[in-house]
Amino acid sequence: MRKGKKAMKVILIILAIVIILLLAIYINHKIHLHRELQLLTPIGQIVEVDGHNMSVYTEGDGEETLVFMSGGGTCSPILDFKSLYSLLSDDYKIVVVEKFGYGFSDVVD
């Protein structure tokens, strides 16, 4: 009987340790989610298109406007095209449109 009580005590201790670790991981996860949420602010403007939000970034004051739109595989056109449009923004008005499903635009069907 004594071995059974000892084994049960060890199992309870291991279970308590696992529960404490899971609780610590959960709390850590919630803290990091809150910090990340602050980083997820749109860089451009959010405009409504057919009832959905689309992210559009503008830069520059030129008389002519260059519109940048991505093809497939560009996760964040505003950031991906920055090295190009930053060179052109002195002479042109730059507009970067993040299609639905990309960047800060809504994901739609």
PDB file of N, CA and C in Angstrom:
ATOM      1  N   MET A   1       0.807  -1.198   0.000  1.00  0.00           N
ATOM      2  CA  MET A   1       0.000   0.000   0.000  1.00  0.00           C
ATOM      3  C   MET A   1       0.851   1.263   0.000  1.00  0.00           C
ATOM      4  N   ARG A   2       1.952   1.208   0.663  1.00  0.00           N
ATOM      5  CA  ARG A   2       2.790   2.387   0.772  1.00  0.00           C
ATOM      6  C   ARG A   2       3.327   2.825  -0.592  1.00  0.00           C
ATOM      7  N   LYS A   3       3.690   1.848  -1.437  1.00  0.00           N
ATOM      8  CA  LYS A   3       4.189   2.154  -2.774  1.00  0.00           C
ATOM      9  C   LYS A   3       3.095   2.795  -3.618  1.00  0.00           C
ATOM     10  N   GLY A   4       1.881   2.380  -3.444  1.00  0.00           N
ATOM     11  CA  GLY A   4       0.753   2.950  -4.192  1.00  0.00           C
ATOM     12  C   GLY A   4       0.526   4.402  -3.833  1.00  0.00           C
ATOM     13  N   LYS A   5       0.639   4.725  -2.547  1.00  0.00           N
ATOM     14  CA  LYS A   5       0.463   6.110  -2.110  1.00  0.00           C
ATOM     15  C   LYS A   5       1.601   6.985  -2.632  1.00  0.00           C
ATOM     16  N   LYS A   6       2.820   6.441  -2.623  1.00  0.00           N
ATOM     17  CA  LYS A   6       3.970   7.189  -3.110  1.00  0.00           C
ATOM     18  C   LYS A   6       3.842   7.456  -4.616  1.00  0.00           C
ATOM     19  N   ALA A   7       3.415   6.441  -5.342  1.00  0.00           N
ATOM     20  CA  ALA A   7       3.242   6.582  -6.787  1.00  0.00           C
ATOM     21  C   ALA A   7       2.165   7.619  -7.093  1.00  0.00           C
ATOM     22  N   MET A   8       1.080   7.585  -6.322  1.00  0.00           N
ATOM     23  CA  MET A   8      -0.005   8.551  -6.522  1.00  0.00           C
ATOM     24  C   MET A   8       0.483   9.968  -6.226  1.00  0.00           C
ATOM     25  N   LYS A   9       1.299  10.117  -5.196  1.00  0.00           N
ATOM     26  CA  LYS A   9       1.833  11.419  -4.835  1.00  0.00           C
ATOM     27  C   LYS A   9       2.738  11.953  -5.951  1.00  0.00           C
ATOM     28  N   VAL A  10       3.570  11.098  -6.542  1.00  0.00           N
ATOM     29  CA  VAL A  10       4.458  11.482  -7.631  1.00  0.00           C
ATOM     30  C   VAL A  10       3.634  11.903  -8.853  1.00  0.00           C
ATOM     31  N   ILE A  11       2.598  11.147  -9.146  1.00  0.00           N
ATOM     32  CA  ILE A  11       1.726  11.473 -10.284  1.00  0.00           C
ATOM     33  C   ILE A  11       1.051  12.820 -10.069  1.00  0.00           C
ATOM     34  N   LEU A  12       0.575  13.092  -8.881  1.00  0.00           N
ATOM     35  CA  LEU A  12      -0.067  14.370  -8.580  1.00  0.00           C
ATOM     36  C   LEU A  12       0.918  15.528  -8.691  1.00  0.00           C
ATOM     37  N   ILE A  13       2.148  15.318  -8.245  1.00  0.00           N
ATOM     38  CA  ILE A  13       3.174  16.352  -8.359  1.00  0.00           C
ATOM     39  C   ILE A  13       3.483  16.637  -9.835  1.00  0.00           C
ATOM     40  N   ILE A  14       3.635  15.587 -10.627  1.00  0.00           N
ATOM     41  CA  ILE A  14       3.896  15.756 -12.060  1.00  0.00           C
ATOM     42  C   ILE A  14       2.724  16.463 -12.733  1.00  0.00           C
ATOM     43  N   LEU A  15       1.517  16.085 -12.383  1.00  0.00           N
ATOM     44  CA  LEU A  15       0.320  16.724 -12.937  1.00  0.00           C
ATOM     45  C   LEU A  15       0.268  18.205 -12.564  1.00  0.00           C
ATOM     46  N   ALA A  16       0.596  18.530 -11.320  1.00  0.00           N
ATOM     47  CA  ALA A  16       0.610  19.925 -10.880  1.00  0.00           C
ATOM     48  C   ALA A  16       1.658  20.725 -11.651  1.00  0.00           C
ATOM     49  N   ILE A  17       2.821  20.139 -11.856  1.00  0.00           N
ATOM     50  CA  ILE A  17       3.885  20.814 -12.611  1.00  0.00           C
ATOM     51  C   ILE A  17       3.437  21.066 -14.050  1.00  0.00           C
ATOM     52  N   VAL A  18       2.799  20.072 -14.663  1.00  0.00           N
ATOM     53  CA  VAL A  18       2.314  20.229 -16.034  1.00  0.00           C
ATOM     54  C   VAL A  18       1.259  21.332 -16.105  1.00  0.00           C
ATOM     55  N   ILE A  19       0.351  21.373 -15.163  1.00  0.00           N
ATOM     56  CA  ILE A  19      -0.689  22.407 -15.144  1.00  0.00           C
ATOM     57  C   ILE A  19      -0.072  23.789 -14.958  1.00  0.00           C
ATOM     58  N   ILE A  20       0.890  23.911 -14.073  1.00  0.00           N
ATOM     59  CA  ILE A  20       1.557  25.201 -13.856  1.00  0.00           C
ATOM     60  C   ILE A  20       2.303  25.643 -15.111  1.00  0.00           C
ATOM     61  N   LEU A  21       2.986  24.712 -15.771  1.00  0.00           N
ATOM     62  CA  LEU A  21       3.691  25.043 -17.001  1.00  0.00           C
ATOM     63  C   LEU A  21       2.722  25.483 -18.101  1.00  0.00           C
ATOM     64  N   LEU A  22       1.612  24.762 -18.254  1.00  0.00           N
ATOM     65  CA  LEU A  22       0.615  25.136 -19.255  1.00  0.00           C
ATOM     66  C   LEU A  22       0.022  26.519 -18.962  1.00  0.00           C
ATOM     67  N   LEU A  23      -0.227  26.805 -17.710  1.00  0.00           N
ATOM     68  CA  LEU A  23      -0.751  28.109 -17.321  1.00  0.00           C
ATOM     69  C   LEU A  23       0.270  29.210 -17.623  1.00  0.00           C
ATOM     70  N   ALA A  24       1.530  28.961 -17.344  1.00  0.00           N
ATOM     71  CA  ALA A  24       2.582  29.939 -17.628  1.00  0.00           C
ATOM     72  C   ALA A  24       2.714  30.182 -19.128  1.00  0.00           C
ATOM     73  N   ILE A  25       2.633  29.128 -19.918  1.00  0.00           N
ATOM     74  CA  ILE A  25       2.707  29.265 -21.374  1.00  0.00           C
ATOM     75  C   ILE A  25       1.509  30.061 -21.892  1.00  0.00           C
ATOM     76  N   TYR A  26       0.325  29.794 -21.382  1.00  0.00           N
ATOM     77  CA  TYR A  26      -0.884  30.503 -21.792  1.00  0.00           C
ATOM     78  C   TYR A  26      -0.775  31.999 -21.465  1.00  0.00           C
ATOM     79  N   ILE A  27      -0.331  32.324 -20.277  1.00  0.00           N
ATOM     80  CA  ILE A  27      -0.195  33.728 -19.876  1.00  0.00           C
ATOM     81  C   ILE A  27       0.856  34.423 -20.746  1.00  0.00           C
ATOM     82  N   ASN A  28       1.975  33.760 -20.998  1.00  0.00           N
ATOM     83  CA  ASN A  28       3.017  34.312 -21.864  1.00  0.00           C
ATOM     84  C   ASN A  28       2.479  34.561 -23.274  1.00  0.00           C
ATOM     85  N   HIS A  29       1.700  33.626 -23.783  1.00  0.00           N
ATOM     86  CA  HIS A  29       1.104  33.761 -25.113  1.00  0.00           C
ATOM     87  C   HIS A  29       0.179  34.971 -25.173  1.00  0.00           C
ATOM     88  N   LYS A  30      -0.664  35.155 -24.174  1.00  0.00           N
ATOM     89  CA  LYS A  30      -1.590  36.293 -24.132  1.00  0.00           C
ATOM     90  C   LYS A  30      -0.825  37.625 -24.077  1.00  0.00           C
ATOM     91  N   ILE A  31       0.241  37.671 -23.315  1.00  0.00           N
ATOM     92  CA  ILE A  31       1.056  38.892 -23.219  1.00  0.00           C
ATOM     93  C   ILE A  31       1.655  39.227 -24.580  1.00  0.00           C
ATOM     94  N   HIS A  32       2.198  38.230 -25.287  1.00  0.00           N
ATOM     95  CA  HIS A  32       2.805  38.479 -26.593  1.00  0.00           C
ATOM     96  C   HIS A  32       1.758  38.847 -27.640  1.00  0.00           C
ATOM     97  N   LEU A  33       0.577  38.256 -27.581  1.00  0.00           N
ATOM     98  CA  LEU A  33      -0.492  38.636 -28.498  1.00  0.00           C
ATOM     99  C   LEU A  33      -0.865  40.101 -28.327  1.00  0.00           C
ATOM    100  N   HIS A  34      -0.935  40.555 -27.089  1.00  0.00           N
ATOM    101  CA  HIS A  34      -1.269  41.949 -26.816  1.00  0.00           C
ATOM    102  C   HIS A  34      -0.193  42.884 -27.376  1.00  0.00           C
ATOM    103  N   ARG A  35       1.060  42.519 -27.225  1.00  0.00           N
ATOM    104  CA  ARG A  35       2.160  43.332 -27.758  1.00  0.00           C
ATOM    105  C   ARG A  35       2.133  43.366 -29.280  1.00  0.00           C
ATOM    106  N   GLU A  36       1.850  42.215 -29.910  1.00  0.00           N
ATOM    107  CA  GLU A  36       1.800  42.148 -31.361  1.00  0.00           C
ATOM    108  C   GLU A  36       0.637  42.955 -31.921  1.00  0.00           C
ATOM    109  N   LEU A  37      -0.462  43.002 -31.221  1.00  0.00           N
ATOM    110  CA  LEU A  37      -1.630  43.739 -31.676  1.00  0.00           C
ATOM    111  C   LEU A  37      -1.299  45.208 -31.878  1.00  0.00           C
ATOM    112  N   GLN A  38      -0.422  45.743 -31.044  1.00  0.00           N
ATOM    113  CA  GLN A  38      -0.018  47.138 -31.173  1.00  0.00           C
ATOM    114  C   GLN A  38       0.798  47.370 -32.447  1.00  0.00           C
ATOM    115  N   LEU A  39       1.445  46.332 -32.963  1.00  0.00           N
ATOM    116  CA  LEU A  39       2.250  46.445 -34.181  1.00  0.00           C
ATOM    117  C   LEU A  39       1.402  46.334 -35.448  1.00  0.00           C
ATOM    118  N   LEU A  40       0.172  45.882 -35.302  1.00  0.00           N
ATOM    119  CA  LEU A  40      -0.672  45.627 -36.456  1.00  0.00           C
ATOM    120  C   LEU A  40      -1.558  46.811 -36.820  1.00  0.00           C
ATOM    121  N   THR A  41      -1.008  47.989 -36.809  1.00  0.00           N
ATOM    122  CA  THR A  41      -1.758  49.155 -37.235  1.00  0.00           C
ATOM    123  C   THR A  41      -1.461  49.394 -38.708  1.00  0.00           C
ATOM    124  N   PRO A  42      -2.482  49.630 -39.505  1.00  0.00           N
ATOM    125  CA  PRO A  42      -2.277  49.827 -40.947  1.00  0.00           C
ATOM    126  C   PRO A  42      -1.336  50.984 -41.240  1.00  0.00           C
ATOM    127  N   ILE A  43      -0.520  50.816 -42.256  1.00  0.00           N
ATOM    128  CA  ILE A  43       0.438  51.838 -42.657  1.00  0.00           C
ATOM    129  C   ILE A  43      -0.269  52.907 -43.490  1.00  0.00           C
ATOM    130  N   GLY A  44      -1.179  52.490 -44.364  1.00  0.00           N
ATOM    131  CA  GLY A  44      -1.906  53.431 -45.218  1.00  0.00           C
ATOM    132  C   GLY A  44      -3.289  53.714 -44.670  1.00  0.00           C
ATOM    133  N   GLN A  45      -4.157  54.159 -45.573  1.00  0.00           N
ATOM    134  CA  GLN A  45      -5.541  54.413 -45.212  1.00  0.00           C
ATOM    135  C   GLN A  45      -6.359  53.156 -45.449  1.00  0.00           C
ATOM    136  N   ILE A  46      -7.394  52.991 -44.664  1.00  0.00           N
ATOM    137  CA  ILE A  46      -8.338  51.910 -44.902  1.00  0.00           C
ATOM    138  C   ILE A  46      -9.558  52.520 -45.569  1.00  0.00           C
ATOM    139  N   VAL A  47      -9.861  52.054 -46.779  1.00  0.00           N
ATOM    140  CA  VAL A  47     -11.027  52.547 -47.505  1.00  0.00           C
ATOM    141  C   VAL A  47     -12.009  51.398 -47.700  1.00  0.00           C
ATOM    142  N   GLU A  48     -13.288  51.731 -47.740  1.00  0.00           N
ATOM    143  CA  GLU A  48     -14.312  50.696 -47.896  1.00  0.00           C
ATOM    144  C   GLU A  48     -14.600  50.492 -49.381  1.00  0.00           C
ATOM    145  N   VAL A  49     -14.531  49.241 -49.808  1.00  0.00           N
ATOM    146  CA  VAL A  49     -14.827  48.868 -51.192  1.00  0.00           C
ATOM    147  C   VAL A  49     -15.798  47.702 -51.148  1.00  0.00           C
ATOM    148  N   ASP A  50     -16.993  47.909 -51.639  1.00  0.00           N
ATOM    149  CA  ASP A  50     -18.038  46.875 -51.641  1.00  0.00           C
ATOM    150  C   ASP A  50     -18.248  46.268 -50.257  1.00  0.00           C
ATOM    151  N   GLY A  51     -18.215  47.089 -49.235  1.00  0.00           N
ATOM    152  CA  GLY A  51     -18.474  46.622 -47.877  1.00  0.00           C
ATOM    153  C   GLY A  51     -17.294  45.971 -47.182  1.00  0.00           C
ATOM    154  N   HIS A  52     -16.138  45.981 -47.812  1.00  0.00           N
ATOM    155  CA  HIS A  52     -14.936  45.390 -47.227  1.00  0.00           C
ATOM    156  C   HIS A  52     -13.846  46.461 -47.140  1.00  0.00           C
ATOM    157  N   ASN A  53     -12.908  46.262 -46.221  1.00  0.00           N
ATOM    158  CA  ASN A  53     -11.825  47.225 -46.023  1.00  0.00           C
ATOM    159  C   ASN A  53     -10.627  46.894 -46.908  1.00  0.00           C
ATOM    160  N   MET A  54     -10.142  47.927 -47.600  1.00  0.00           N
ATOM    161  CA  MET A  54      -8.960  47.782 -48.446  1.00  0.00           C
ATOM    162  C   MET A  54      -7.925  48.815 -48.001  1.00  0.00           C
ATOM    163  N   SER A  55      -6.680  48.396 -47.935  1.00  0.00           N
ATOM    164  CA  SER A  55      -5.592  49.266 -47.518  1.00  0.00           C
ATOM    165  C   SER A  55      -4.985  49.953 -48.737  1.00  0.00           C
ATOM    166  N   VAL A  56      -4.884  51.284 -48.661  1.00  0.00           N
ATOM    167  CA  VAL A  56      -4.314  52.082 -49.747  1.00  0.00           C
ATOM    168  C   VAL A  56      -3.320  53.067 -49.128  1.00  0.00           C
ATOM    169  N   TYR A  57      -2.105  53.079 -49.661  1.00  0.00           N
ATOM    170  CA  TYR A  57      -1.055  53.961 -49.147  1.00  0.00           C
ATOM    171  C   TYR A  57      -0.727  55.006 -50.208  1.00  0.00           C
ATOM    172  N   THR A  58      -0.608  56.256 -49.798  1.00  0.00           N
ATOM    173  CA  THR A  58      -0.217  57.316 -50.725  1.00  0.00           C
ATOM    174  C   THR A  58       1.011  58.041 -50.181  1.00  0.00           C
ATOM    175  N   GLU A  59       1.812  58.527 -51.129  1.00  0.00           N
ATOM    176  CA  GLU A  59       3.035  59.261 -50.776  1.00  0.00           C
ATOM    177  C   GLU A  59       3.407  60.142 -51.957  1.00  0.00           C
ATOM    178  N   GLY A  60       3.985  61.289 -51.689  1.00  0.00           N
ATOM    179  CA  GLY A  60       4.453  62.181 -52.732  1.00  0.00           C
ATOM    180  C   GLY A  60       3.400  63.187 -53.154  1.00  0.00           C
ATOM    181  N   ASP A  61       3.862  64.240 -53.853  1.00  0.00           N
ATOM    182  CA  ASP A  61       2.960  65.324 -54.253  1.00  0.00           C
ATOM    183  C   ASP A  61       3.075  65.661 -55.733  1.00  0.00           C
ATOM    184  N   GLY A  62       3.602  64.765 -56.537  1.00  0.00           N
ATOM    185  CA  GLY A  62       3.761  65.061 -57.960  1.00  0.00           C
ATOM    186  C   GLY A  62       2.432  65.215 -58.665  1.00  0.00           C
ATOM    187  N   GLU A  63       2.469  65.792 -59.862  1.00  0.00           N
ATOM    188  CA  GLU A  63       1.243  65.984 -60.640  1.00  0.00           C
ATOM    189  C   GLU A  63       0.765  64.683 -61.259  1.00  0.00           C
ATOM    190  N   GLU A  64       1.681  63.800 -61.591  1.00  0.00           N
ATOM    191  CA  GLU A  64       1.316  62.505 -62.170  1.00  0.00           C
ATOM    192  C   GLU A  64       1.282  61.463 -61.054  1.00  0.00           C
ATOM    193  N   THR A  65       0.390  60.503 -61.211  1.00  0.00           N
ATOM    194  CA  THR A  65       0.207  59.472 -60.189  1.00  0.00           C
ATOM    195  C   THR A  65       0.642  58.116 -60.730  1.00  0.00           C
ATOM    196  N   LEU A  66       1.443  57.413 -59.940  1.00  0.00           N
ATOM    197  CA  LEU A  66       1.824  56.036 -60.256  1.00  0.00           C
ATOM    198  C   LEU A  66       1.103  55.124 -59.276  1.00  0.00           C
ATOM    199  N   VAL A  67       0.407  54.112 -59.799  1.00  0.00           N
ATOM    200  CA  VAL A  67      -0.335  53.178 -58.954  1.00  0.00           C
ATOM    201  C   VAL A  67       0.408  51.850 -58.955  1.00  0.00           C
ATOM    202  N   PHE A  68       0.728  51.365 -57.776  1.00  0.00           N
ATOM    203  CA  PHE A  68       1.397  50.076 -57.604  1.00  0.00           C
ATOM    204  C   PHE A  68       0.375  49.061 -57.108  1.00  0.00           C
ATOM    205  N   MET A  69       0.272  47.949 -57.834  1.00  0.00           N
ATOM    206  CA  MET A  69      -0.585  46.842 -57.408  1.00  0.00           C
ATOM    207  C   MET A  69       0.240  45.573 -57.536  1.00  0.00           C
ATOM    208  N   SER A  70       0.066  44.691 -56.586  1.00  0.00           N
ATOM    209  CA  SER A  70       0.899  43.487 -56.574  1.00  0.00           C
ATOM    210  C   SER A  70       0.252  42.357 -57.358  1.00  0.00           C
ATOM    211  N   GLY A  71       1.101  41.439 -57.747  1.00  0.00           N
ATOM    212  CA  GLY A  71       0.628  40.177 -58.285  1.00  0.00           C
ATOM    213  C   GLY A  71       0.522  39.196 -57.134  1.00  0.00           C
ATOM    214  N   GLY A  72       0.428  37.941 -57.426  1.00  0.00           N
ATOM    215  CA  GLY A  72       0.346  36.938 -56.363  1.00  0.00           C
ATOM    216  C   GLY A  72       1.673  36.780 -55.650  1.00  0.00           C
ATOM    217  N   GLY A  73       1.603  36.465 -54.376  1.00  0.00           N
ATOM    218  CA  GLY A  73       2.803  36.162 -53.607  1.00  0.00           C
ATOM    219  C   GLY A  73       3.448  37.328 -52.906  1.00  0.00           C
ATOM    220  N   THR A  74       2.891  38.515 -53.045  1.00  0.00           N
ATOM    221  CA  THR A  74       3.434  39.675 -52.336  1.00  0.00           C
ATOM    222  C   THR A  74       2.606  39.876 -51.078  1.00  0.00           C
ATOM    223  N   CYS A  75       3.163  39.560 -49.946  1.00  0.00           N
ATOM    224  CA  CYS A  75       2.406  39.603 -48.686  1.00  0.00           C
ATOM    225  C   CYS A  75       1.975  41.003 -48.303  1.00  0.00           C
ATOM    226  N   SER A  76       2.872  41.963 -48.427  1.00  0.00           N
ATOM    227  CA  SER A  76       2.576  43.343 -48.043  1.00  0.00           C
ATOM    228  C   SER A  76       3.143  44.286 -49.102  1.00  0.00           C
ATOM    229  N   PRO A  77       2.350  44.608 -50.123  1.00  0.00           N
ATOM    230  CA  PRO A  77       2.853  45.459 -51.201  1.00  0.00           C
ATOM    231  C   PRO A  77       3.411  46.798 -50.723  1.00  0.00           C
ATOM    232  N   ILE A  78       2.809  47.389 -49.689  1.00  0.00           N
ATOM    233  CA  ILE A  78       3.302  48.675 -49.192  1.00  0.00           C
ATOM    234  C   ILE A  78       4.762  48.552 -48.760  1.00  0.00           C
ATOM    235  N   LEU A  79       5.084  47.491 -48.068  1.00  0.00           N
ATOM    236  CA  LEU A  79       6.466  47.299 -47.603  1.00  0.00           C
ATOM    237  C   LEU A  79       7.362  46.747 -48.703  1.00  0.00           C
ATOM    238  N   ASP A  80       6.827  45.837 -49.520  1.00  0.00           N
ATOM    239  CA  ASP A  80       7.641  45.217 -50.564  1.00  0.00           C
ATOM    240  C   ASP A  80       8.067  46.203 -51.647  1.00  0.00           C
ATOM    241  N   PHE A  81       7.208  47.160 -51.990  1.00  0.00           N
ATOM    242  CA  PHE A  81       7.521  48.110 -53.051  1.00  0.00           C
ATOM    243  C   PHE A  81       8.209  49.372 -52.546  1.00  0.00           C
ATOM    244  N   LYS A  82       8.416  49.495 -51.253  1.00  0.00           N
ATOM    245  CA  LYS A  82       8.961  50.728 -50.671  1.00  0.00           C
ATOM    246  C   LYS A  82      10.295  51.134 -51.285  1.00  0.00           C
ATOM    247  N   SER A  83      11.165  50.184 -51.531  1.00  0.00           N
ATOM    248  CA  SER A  83      12.478  50.528 -52.087  1.00  0.00           C
ATOM    249  C   SER A  83      12.353  51.157 -53.469  1.00  0.00           C
ATOM    250  N   LEU A  84      11.304  50.844 -54.206  1.00  0.00           N
ATOM    251  CA  LEU A  84      11.097  51.435 -55.524  1.00  0.00           C
ATOM    252  C   LEU A  84      10.350  52.758 -55.443  1.00  0.00           C
ATOM    253  N   TYR A  85       9.194  52.766 -54.771  1.00  0.00           N
ATOM    254  CA  TYR A  85       8.398  54.003 -54.793  1.00  0.00           C
ATOM    255  C   TYR A  85       9.020  55.129 -53.974  1.00  0.00           C
ATOM    256  N   SER A  86       9.862  54.812 -53.008  1.00  0.00           N
ATOM    257  CA  SER A  86      10.512  55.893 -52.252  1.00  0.00           C
ATOM    258  C   SER A  86      11.464  56.694 -53.144  1.00  0.00           C
ATOM    259  N   LEU A  87      11.996  56.065 -54.194  1.00  0.00           N
ATOM    260  CA  LEU A  87      12.859  56.770 -55.150  1.00  0.00           C
ATOM    261  C   LEU A  87      12.057  57.657 -56.101  1.00  0.00           C
ATOM    262  N   LEU A  88      10.773  57.333 -56.272  1.00  0.00           N
ATOM    263  CA  LEU A  88       9.934  58.044 -57.231  1.00  0.00           C
ATOM    264  C   LEU A  88       9.022  59.083 -56.591  1.00  0.00           C
ATOM    265  N   SER A  89       8.907  59.065 -55.282  1.00  0.00           N
ATOM    266  CA  SER A  89       7.910  59.916 -54.615  1.00  0.00           C
ATOM    267  C   SER A  89       8.247  61.405 -54.655  1.00  0.00           C
ATOM    268  N   ASP A  90       9.473  61.770 -54.997  1.00  0.00           N
ATOM    269  CA  ASP A  90       9.806  63.196 -55.136  1.00  0.00           C
ATOM    270  C   ASP A  90       9.177  63.791 -56.402  1.00  0.00           C
ATOM    271  N   ASP A  91       9.011  62.970 -57.426  1.00  0.00           N
ATOM    272  CA  ASP A  91       8.510  63.460 -58.715  1.00  0.00           C
ATOM    273  C   ASP A  91       7.065  63.045 -59.006  1.00  0.00           C
ATOM    274  N   TYR A  92       6.561  62.046 -58.304  1.00  0.00           N
ATOM    275  CA  TYR A  92       5.228  61.516 -58.590  1.00  0.00           C
ATOM    276  C   TYR A  92       4.429  61.360 -57.294  1.00  0.00           C
ATOM    277  N   LYS A  93       3.112  61.320 -57.460  1.00  0.00           N
ATOM    278  CA  LYS A  93       2.262  60.892 -56.351  1.00  0.00           C
ATOM    279  C   LYS A  93       2.191  59.376 -56.469  1.00  0.00           C
ATOM    280  N   ILE A  94       2.485  58.695 -55.383  1.00  0.00           N
ATOM    281  CA  ILE A  94       2.527  57.237 -55.364  1.00  0.00           C
ATOM    282  C   ILE A  94       1.285  56.716 -54.649  1.00  0.00           C
ATOM    283  N   VAL A  95       0.647  55.723 -55.246  1.00  0.00           N
ATOM    284  CA  VAL A  95      -0.489  55.060 -54.611  1.00  0.00           C
ATOM    285  C   VAL A  95      -0.207  53.559 -54.650  1.00  0.00           C
ATOM    286  N   VAL A  96      -0.180  52.930 -53.497  1.00  0.00           N
ATOM    287  CA  VAL A  96       0.024  51.481 -53.408  1.00  0.00           C
ATOM    288  C   VAL A  96      -1.275  50.870 -52.902  1.00  0.00           C
ATOM    289  N   VAL A  97      -1.863  50.013 -53.715  1.00  0.00           N
ATOM    290  CA  VAL A  97      -3.130  49.375 -53.371  1.00  0.00           C
ATOM    291  C   VAL A  97      -2.847  47.943 -52.949  1.00  0.00           C
ATOM    292  N   GLU A  98      -3.279  47.605 -51.748  1.00  0.00           N
ATOM    293  CA  GLU A  98      -3.166  46.220 -51.288  1.00  0.00           C
ATOM    294  C   GLU A  98      -4.494  45.532 -51.593  1.00  0.00           C
ATOM    295  N   LYS A  99      -4.464  44.657 -52.589  1.00  0.00           N
ATOM    296  CA  LYS A  99      -5.680  43.956 -52.986  1.00  0.00           C
ATOM    297  C   LYS A  99      -6.231  43.159 -51.802  1.00  0.00           C
ATOM    298  N   PHE A 100      -7.497  42.788 -51.913  1.00  0.00           N
ATOM    299  CA  PHE A 100      -8.106  41.972 -50.867  1.00  0.00           C
ATOM    300  C   PHE A 100      -7.298  40.695 -50.668  1.00  0.00           C
ATOM    301  N   GLY A 101      -7.023  40.393 -49.423  1.00  0.00           N
ATOM    302  CA  GLY A 101      -6.247  39.210 -49.083  1.00  0.00           C
ATOM    303  C   GLY A 101      -4.768  39.491 -48.877  1.00  0.00           C
ATOM    304  N   TYR A 102      -4.350  40.729 -49.114  1.00  0.00           N
ATOM    305  CA  TYR A 102      -2.948  41.087 -48.970  1.00  0.00           C
ATOM    306  C   TYR A 102      -2.795  42.219 -47.976  1.00  0.00           C
ATOM    307  N   GLY A 103      -1.648  42.271 -47.282  1.00  0.00           N
ATOM    308  CA  GLY A 103      -1.353  43.358 -46.365  1.00  0.00           C
ATOM    309  C   GLY A 103      -2.441  43.541 -45.312  1.00  0.00           C
ATOM    310  N   PHE A 104      -2.910  44.774 -45.181  1.00  0.00           N
ATOM    311  CA  PHE A 104      -3.931  45.087 -44.178  1.00  0.00           C
ATOM    312  C   PHE A 104      -5.340  45.065 -44.755  1.00  0.00           C
ATOM    313  N   SER A 105      -5.511  44.656 -46.008  1.00  0.00           N
ATOM    314  CA  SER A 105      -6.831  44.560 -46.597  1.00  0.00           C
ATOM    315  C   SER A 105      -7.532  43.301 -46.108  1.00  0.00           C
ATOM    316  N   ASP A 106      -8.863  43.360 -46.116  1.00  0.00           N
ATOM    317  CA  ASP A 106      -9.658  42.206 -45.679  1.00  0.00           C
ATOM    318  C   ASP A 106      -9.456  41.013 -46.607  1.00  0.00           C
ATOM    319  N   VAL A 107      -9.641  39.840 -46.050  1.00  0.00           N
ATOM    320  CA  VAL A 107      -9.633  38.612 -46.856  1.00  0.00           C
ATOM    321  C   VAL A 107     -11.087  38.341 -47.236  1.00  0.00           C
ATOM    322  N   VAL A 108     -11.345  38.287 -48.527  1.00  0.00           N
ATOM    323  CA  VAL A 108     -12.718  38.055 -49.012  1.00  0.00           C
ATOM    324  C   VAL A 108     -12.707  36.924 -50.039  1.00  0.00           C
ATOM    325  N   ASP A 109     -13.892  36.433 -50.349  1.00  0.00           N
ATOM    326  CA  ASP A 109     -14.012  35.372 -51.372  1.00  0.00           C
ATOM    327  C   ASP A 109     -13.842  35.934 -52.758  1.00  0.00           C
TER     328      ASP A 109
END
